[in-house]
C-alpha atoms as a PDB file:
ATOM      1  CA  MET A   1     227.566 132.963  64.246  1.00  0.00           C
ATOM      2  CA  SER A   2     224.554 133.761  66.287  1.00  0.00           C
ATOM      3  CA  ASN A   3     222.472 136.870  65.768  1.00  0.00           C
ATOM      4  CA  ASP A   4     223.304 138.037  69.292  1.00  0.00           C
ATOM      5  CA  PHE A   5     227.017 137.944  68.471  1.00  0.00           C
ATOM      6  CA  CYS A   6     226.519 139.959  65.274  1.00  0.00           C
ATOM      7  CA  LEU A   7     224.327 142.522  67.019  1.00  0.00           C
ATOM      8  CA  ASP A   8     226.862 142.890  69.829  1.00  0.00           C
ATOM      9  CA  LEU A   9     229.689 143.270  67.323  1.00  0.00           C
ATOM     10  CA  MET A  10     227.794 145.934  65.358  1.00  0.00           C
ATOM     11  CA  ALA A  11     226.963 147.860  68.531  1.00  0.00           C
ATOM     12  CA  LYS A  12     230.629 147.848  69.549  1.00  0.00           C
ATOM     13  CA  LEU A  13     231.686 148.919  66.067  1.00  0.00           C
ATOM     14  CA  GLU A  14     229.237 151.825  66.076  1.00  0.00           C
ATOM     15  CA  THR A  15     230.423 152.919  69.528  1.00  0.00           C
ATOM     16  CA  ALA A  16     234.076 152.748  68.467  1.00  0.00           C
ATOM     17  CA  PHE A  17     233.324 154.792  65.331  1.00  0.00           C
ATOM     18  CA  LYS A  18     231.534 157.502  67.316  1.00  0.00           C
ATOM     19  CA  GLU A  19     234.417 157.634  69.819  1.00  0.00           C
ATOM     20  CA  ALA A  20     236.925 157.981  66.964  1.00  0.00           C
ATOM     21  CA  VAL A  21     234.965 160.876  65.433  1.00  0.00           C
ATOM     22  CA  ASP A  22     234.686 162.599  68.819  1.00  0.00           C
ATOM     23  CA  HIS A  23     238.441 162.171  69.355  1.00  0.00           C
ATOM     24  CA  TYR A  24     239.153 163.635  65.910  1.00  0.00           C
ATOM     25  CA  LEU A  25     236.926 166.656  66.567  1.00  0.00           C
ATOM     26  CA  ASP A  26     238.485 167.213  70.004  1.00  0.00           C
ATOM     27  CA  THR A  27     241.981 167.037  68.514  1.00  0.00           C
ATOM     28  CA  CYS A  28     241.061 169.547  65.809  1.00  0.00           C
ATOM     29  CA  ALA A  29     239.680 171.897  68.457  1.00  0.00           C
ATOM     30  CA  GLU A  30     242.843 171.584  70.576  1.00  0.00           C
ATOM     31  CA  LEU A  31     245.034 172.370  67.565  1.00  0.00           C
ATOM     32  CA  GLY A  32     242.791 175.219  66.452  1.00  0.00           C
ATOM     33  CA  GLU A  33     242.148 173.601  63.088  1.00  0.00           C
ATOM     34  CA  LYS A  34     238.919 173.093  61.197  1.00  0.00           C
ATOM     35  CA  PRO A  35     237.895 169.459  60.666  1.00  0.00           C
ATOM     36  CA  ASN A  36     238.003 168.198  57.094  1.00  0.00           C
ATOM     37  CA  LYS A  37     234.660 168.342  55.308  1.00  0.00           C
ATOM     38  CA  PRO A  38     233.300 165.001  54.142  1.00  0.00           C
ATOM     39  CA  TYR A  39     233.100 164.407  50.434  1.00  0.00           C
ATOM     40  CA  SER A  40     229.719 165.110  48.893  1.00  0.00           C
ATOM     41  CA  GLY A  41     229.886 162.139  46.557  1.00  0.00           C
ATOM     42  CA  LYS A  42     229.126 164.359  43.580  1.00  0.00           C
ATOM     43  CA  LEU A  43     231.348 164.391  40.523  1.00  0.00           C
ATOM     44  CA  THR A  44     231.209 167.553  38.445  1.00  0.00           C
ATOM     45  CA  LEU A  45     232.455 167.394  34.870  1.00  0.00           C
ATOM     46  CA  ARG A  46     232.657 170.164  32.305  1.00  0.00           C
ATOM     47  CA  ILE A  47     232.416 169.008  28.730  1.00  0.00           C
ATOM     48  CA  PRO A  48     233.381 171.628  26.131  1.00  0.00           C
END
């Protein structure tokens, strides 16, 4: 694969991702629902 192909593919992937997020947010707004919060990535444990 050429670098141009990979760069073009990544640009299209990023655009598609942004469009999907925008669609999700628009749908939430239309339904009057709050969007889900992303996970923080933190794991909290309580050890007795």
